[in-house]
Amino acid sequence: MGDLPKALSAYQRALAAQEALGDRYGAARTLLGLGVAHNQRGDHAKALATYERALAVQEAVGDRGAAAMTVCNLGVVHFGLGDPAKALAFFERALAAQEAVGDKASFATTLGNIANAHVALGDFASALAFSERARAAWLALGDRERAG
């Protein structure tokens, strides 16, 4: 996991500098990293708030790739909080965005996330279908390890 307090401090310093310089694009990316650090620390409320802030800035500056990651990460937090239905909605939104920007690795990961959400919701047929799609996506990328 590394040194999360140092990472949080570094992200906060970077964010302050980017905001002082008016670097909204950089701030949007830094907020994404800050959200990840909060989530890894187990501070889900701060992770959600930071991801929502990141998403607003990413959408404002047109950073569709980072926005897709952020939407997926919002799903991950909600899944971890025990709300697979809400997570699924975020994952589906992320999947469409990842496909639109051509982020094939994130697309494959999100297919797996969707499969997991369907398992948690008791929809095993959909879970199997998305798991198979995820496997095929990883194989298309040449990643046999992640394909399972």
C-alpha atoms as a PDB file:
ATOM      1  CA  MET A   1       0.000   0.000   0.000  1.00  0.00           C
ATOM      2  CA  GLY A   2       2.905   2.328   0.504  1.00  0.00           C
ATOM      3  CA  ASP A   3       2.924   5.347   2.761  1.00  0.00           C
ATOM      4  CA  LEU A   4      -0.605   6.704   2.433  1.00  0.00           C
ATOM      5  CA  PRO A   5      -0.144   9.716   4.741  1.00  0.00           C
ATOM      6  CA  LYS A   6       2.824  10.864   2.617  1.00  0.00           C
ATOM      7  CA  ALA A   7       0.880  10.221  -0.575  1.00  0.00           C
ATOM      8  CA  LEU A   8      -2.093  12.212   0.698  1.00  0.00           C
ATOM      9  CA  SER A   9       0.177  15.069   1.705  1.00  0.00           C
ATOM     10  CA  ALA A  10       1.909  15.067  -1.679  1.00  0.00           C
ATOM     11  CA  TYR A  11      -1.416  15.032  -3.538  1.00  0.00           C
ATOM     12  CA  GLN A  12      -2.710  17.909  -1.408  1.00  0.00           C
ATOM     13  CA  ARG A  13       0.433  19.982  -2.049  1.00  0.00           C
ATOM     14  CA  ALA A  14       0.241  19.262  -5.767  1.00  0.00           C
ATOM     15  CA  LEU A  15      -3.441  20.164  -5.846  1.00  0.00           C
ATOM     16  CA  ALA A  16      -2.821  23.460  -4.053  1.00  0.00           C
ATOM     17  CA  ALA A  17      -0.063  24.340  -6.522  1.00  0.00           C
ATOM     18  CA  GLN A  18      -2.164  23.394  -9.553  1.00  0.00           C
ATOM     19  CA  GLU A  19      -5.113  25.408  -8.285  1.00  0.00           C
ATOM     20  CA  ALA A  20      -2.842  28.407  -7.598  1.00  0.00           C
ATOM     21  CA  LEU A  21      -1.565  28.189 -11.181  1.00  0.00           C
ATOM     22  CA  GLY A  22      -5.038  27.709 -12.621  1.00  0.00           C
ATOM     23  CA  ASP A  23      -4.102  24.263 -13.941  1.00  0.00           C
ATOM     24  CA  ARG A  24      -7.570  22.700 -13.906  1.00  0.00           C
ATOM     25  CA  TYR A  25      -6.504  19.742 -16.059  1.00  0.00           C
ATOM     26  CA  GLY A  26      -3.676  18.865 -13.661  1.00  0.00           C
ATOM     27  CA  ALA A  27      -5.933  19.422 -10.665  1.00  0.00           C
ATOM     28  CA  ALA A  28      -8.510  17.061 -12.141  1.00  0.00           C
ATOM     29  CA  ARG A  29      -5.912  14.295 -12.467  1.00  0.00           C
ATOM     30  CA  THR A  30      -4.544  14.984  -8.981  1.00  0.00           C
ATOM     31  CA  LEU A  31      -8.040  14.797  -7.499  1.00  0.00           C
ATOM     32  CA  LEU A  32      -8.422  11.359  -9.078  1.00  0.00           C
ATOM     33  CA  GLY A  33      -5.228  10.196  -7.343  1.00  0.00           C
ATOM     34  CA  LEU A  34      -6.314  11.794  -4.094  1.00  0.00           C
ATOM     35  CA  GLY A  35      -9.602   9.904  -4.277  1.00  0.00           C
ATOM     36  CA  VAL A  36      -7.748   6.638  -4.785  1.00  0.00           C
ATOM     37  CA  ALA A  37      -5.581   7.351  -1.739  1.00  0.00           C
ATOM     38  CA  HIS A  38      -8.622   8.149   0.418  1.00  0.00           C
ATOM     39  CA  ASN A  39     -10.296   4.929  -0.730  1.00  0.00           C
ATOM     40  CA  GLN A  40      -7.192   2.838  -0.019  1.00  0.00           C
ATOM     41  CA  ARG A  41      -7.102   4.401   3.426  1.00  0.00           C
ATOM     42  CA  GLY A  42     -10.685   3.312   3.984  1.00  0.00           C
ATOM     43  CA  ASP A  43     -12.061   6.845   4.144  1.00  0.00           C
ATOM     44  CA  HIS A  44     -14.959   6.214   1.800  1.00  0.00           C
ATOM     45  CA  ALA A  45     -16.768   9.488   2.514  1.00  0.00           C
ATOM     46  CA  LYS A  46     -13.692  11.510   1.526  1.00  0.00           C
ATOM     47  CA  ALA A  47     -13.093   9.236  -1.467  1.00  0.00           C
ATOM     48  CA  LEU A  48     -16.633   9.805  -2.732  1.00  0.00           C
ATOM     49  CA  ALA A  49     -16.468  13.565  -2.183  1.00  0.00           C
ATOM     50  CA  THR A  50     -13.070  13.784  -3.873  1.00  0.00           C
ATOM     51  CA  TYR A  51     -14.158  11.654  -6.834  1.00  0.00           C
ATOM     52  CA  GLU A  52     -17.284  13.791  -7.285  1.00  0.00           C
ATOM     53  CA  ARG A  53     -15.141  16.934  -7.251  1.00  0.00           C
ATOM     54  CA  ALA A  54     -12.671  15.338  -9.670  1.00  0.00           C
ATOM     55  CA  LEU A  55     -15.462  14.316 -12.021  1.00  0.00           C
ATOM     56  CA  ALA A  56     -16.909  17.821 -12.103  1.00  0.00           C
ATOM     57  CA  VAL A  57     -13.522  19.288 -13.045  1.00  0.00           C
ATOM     58  CA  GLN A  58     -12.724  16.501 -15.532  1.00  0.00           C
ATOM     59  CA  GLU A  59     -16.019  17.066 -17.302  1.00  0.00           C
ATOM     60  CA  ALA A  60     -15.457  20.841 -17.306  1.00  0.00           C
ATOM     61  CA  VAL A  61     -12.023  20.517 -18.938  1.00  0.00           C
ATOM     62  CA  GLY A  62     -13.073  17.714 -21.294  1.00  0.00           C
ATOM     63  CA  ASP A  63     -10.804  15.007 -19.864  1.00  0.00           C
ATOM     64  CA  ARG A  64     -13.012  12.102 -20.900  1.00  0.00           C
ATOM     65  CA  GLY A  65     -10.434   9.415 -20.110  1.00  0.00           C
ATOM     66  CA  ALA A  66      -9.935  10.542 -16.524  1.00  0.00           C
ATOM     67  CA  ALA A  67     -13.680  11.055 -16.130  1.00  0.00           C
ATOM     68  CA  ALA A  68     -14.290   7.439 -17.188  1.00  0.00           C
ATOM     69  CA  MET A  69     -11.772   6.240 -14.582  1.00  0.00           C
ATOM     70  CA  THR A  70     -13.365   8.393 -11.927  1.00  0.00           C
ATOM     71  CA  VAL A  71     -16.852   7.094 -12.674  1.00  0.00           C
ATOM     72  CA  CYS A  72     -15.552   3.533 -12.403  1.00  0.00           C
ATOM     73  CA  ASN A  73     -13.853   4.368  -9.112  1.00  0.00           C
ATOM     74  CA  LEU A  74     -17.136   5.768  -7.782  1.00  0.00           C
ATOM     75  CA  GLY A  75     -18.606   2.362  -8.557  1.00  0.00           C
ATOM     76  CA  VAL A  76     -15.778   0.613  -6.730  1.00  0.00           C
ATOM     77  CA  VAL A  77     -16.424   2.685  -3.604  1.00  0.00           C
ATOM     78  CA  HIS A  78     -20.156   2.020  -3.692  1.00  0.00           C
ATOM     79  CA  PHE A  79     -19.517  -1.683  -4.215  1.00  0.00           C
ATOM     80  CA  GLY A  80     -17.191  -1.688  -1.211  1.00  0.00           C
ATOM     81  CA  LEU A  81     -19.870   0.072   0.817  1.00  0.00           C
ATOM     82  CA  GLY A  82     -22.263  -2.784   0.054  1.00  0.00           C
ATOM     83  CA  ASP A  83     -24.410  -1.104  -2.594  1.00  0.00           C
ATOM     84  CA  PRO A  84     -23.939  -3.267  -5.706  1.00  0.00           C
ATOM     85  CA  ALA A  85     -26.958  -1.736  -7.473  1.00  0.00           C
ATOM     86  CA  LYS A  86     -25.505   1.774  -7.230  1.00  0.00           C
ATOM     87  CA  ALA A  87     -22.081   0.414  -8.143  1.00  0.00           C
ATOM     88  CA  LEU A  88     -23.547  -1.269 -11.215  1.00  0.00           C
ATOM     89  CA  ALA A  89     -25.009   2.024 -12.429  1.00  0.00           C
ATOM     90  CA  PHE A  90     -21.582   3.666 -12.171  1.00  0.00           C
ATOM     91  CA  PHE A  91     -19.855   0.691 -13.813  1.00  0.00           C
ATOM     92  CA  GLU A  92     -22.265   0.752 -16.751  1.00  0.00           C
ATOM     93  CA  ARG A  93     -21.698   4.475 -17.199  1.00  0.00           C
ATOM     94  CA  ALA A  94     -17.930   3.970 -17.000  1.00  0.00           C
ATOM     95  CA  LEU A  95     -18.048   1.126 -19.521  1.00  0.00           C
ATOM     96  CA  ALA A  96     -19.737   3.309 -22.129  1.00  0.00           C
ATOM     97  CA  ALA A  97     -17.230   6.113 -21.519  1.00  0.00           C
ATOM     98  CA  GLN A  98     -14.227   3.751 -21.678  1.00  0.00           C
ATOM     99  CA  GLU A  99     -15.473   2.326 -24.945  1.00  0.00           C
ATOM    100  CA  ALA A 100     -15.935   5.844 -26.337  1.00  0.00           C
ATOM    101  CA  VAL A 101     -12.351   6.853 -25.503  1.00  0.00           C
ATOM    102  CA  GLY A 102     -10.860   3.507 -26.548  1.00  0.00           C
ATOM    103  CA  ASP A 103      -9.476   2.557 -23.125  1.00  0.00           C
ATOM    104  CA  LYS A 104      -9.484  -1.181 -23.716  1.00  0.00           C
ATOM    105  CA  ALA A 105      -7.748  -2.242 -20.486  1.00  0.00           C
ATOM    106  CA  SER A 106     -10.084  -0.216 -18.292  1.00  0.00           C
ATOM    107  CA  PHE A 107     -12.993  -1.511 -20.382  1.00  0.00           C
ATOM    108  CA  ALA A 108     -11.938  -5.109 -19.629  1.00  0.00           C
ATOM    109  CA  THR A 109     -11.552  -4.330 -15.916  1.00  0.00           C
ATOM    110  CA  THR A 110     -14.976  -2.716 -15.792  1.00  0.00           C
ATOM    111  CA  LEU A 111     -16.572  -5.725 -17.484  1.00  0.00           C
ATOM    112  CA  GLY A 112     -15.226  -7.766 -14.565  1.00  0.00           C
ATOM    113  CA  ASN A 113     -16.552  -5.209 -12.090  1.00  0.00           C
ATOM    114  CA  ILE A 114     -19.981  -5.489 -13.704  1.00  0.00           C
ATOM    115  CA  ALA A 115     -19.808  -9.262 -13.420  1.00  0.00           C
ATOM    116  CA  ASN A 116     -19.014  -8.946  -9.702  1.00  0.00           C
ATOM    117  CA  ALA A 117     -21.919  -6.542  -9.178  1.00  0.00           C
ATOM    118  CA  HIS A 118     -24.277  -8.995 -10.861  1.00  0.00           C
ATOM    119  CA  VAL A 119     -23.021 -11.773  -8.577  1.00  0.00           C
ATOM    120  CA  ALA A 120     -23.702  -9.587  -5.545  1.00  0.00           C
ATOM    121  CA  LEU A 121     -27.188  -8.894  -6.892  1.00  0.00           C
ATOM    122  CA  GLY A 122     -27.833 -12.614  -7.443  1.00  0.00           C
ATOM    123  CA  ASP A 123     -28.031 -12.313 -11.244  1.00  0.00           C
ATOM    124  CA  PHE A 124     -25.688 -15.152 -12.082  1.00  0.00           C
ATOM    125  CA  ALA A 125     -26.584 -15.404 -15.774  1.00  0.00           C
ATOM    126  CA  SER A 126     -25.597 -11.769 -16.328  1.00  0.00           C
ATOM    127  CA  ALA A 127     -22.519 -12.259 -14.165  1.00  0.00           C
ATOM    128  CA  LEU A 128     -21.403 -15.152 -16.360  1.00  0.00           C
ATOM    129  CA  ALA A 129     -22.039 -13.197 -19.556  1.00  0.00           C
ATOM    130  CA  PHE A 130     -19.999 -10.209 -18.353  1.00  0.00           C
ATOM    131  CA  SER A 131     -17.256 -12.450 -17.012  1.00  0.00           C
ATOM    132  CA  GLU A 132     -16.963 -14.093 -20.424  1.00  0.00           C
ATOM    133  CA  ARG A 133     -16.845 -10.677 -22.096  1.00  0.00           C
ATOM    134  CA  ALA A 134     -14.110  -9.588 -19.680  1.00  0.00           C
ATOM    135  CA  ARG A 135     -12.098 -12.725 -20.420  1.00  0.00           C
ATOM    136  CA  ALA A 136     -12.426 -12.165 -24.174  1.00  0.00           C
ATOM    137  CA  ALA A 137     -11.379  -8.519 -23.781  1.00  0.00           C
ATOM    138  CA  TRP A 138      -8.260  -9.491 -21.825  1.00  0.00           C
ATOM    139  CA  LEU A 139      -7.379 -12.161 -24.372  1.00  0.00           C
ATOM    140  CA  ALA A 140      -7.777  -9.608 -27.183  1.00  0.00           C
ATOM    141  CA  LEU A 141      -5.255  -7.461 -25.312  1.00  0.00           C
ATOM    142  CA  GLY A 142      -2.890 -10.426 -25.059  1.00  0.00           C
ATOM    143  CA  ASP A 143      -3.186 -10.627 -21.270  1.00  0.00           C
ATOM    144  CA  ARG A 144      -3.696 -14.308 -20.549  1.00  0.00           C
ATOM    145  CA  GLU A 145      -3.014 -13.854 -16.844  1.00  0.00           C
ATOM    146  CA  ARG A 146      -5.886 -11.447 -16.336  1.00  0.00           C
ATOM    147  CA  ALA A 147      -8.087 -13.475 -18.677  1.00  0.00           C
ATOM    148  CA  GLY A 148      -7.977 -16.257 -16.126  1.00  0.00           C
END
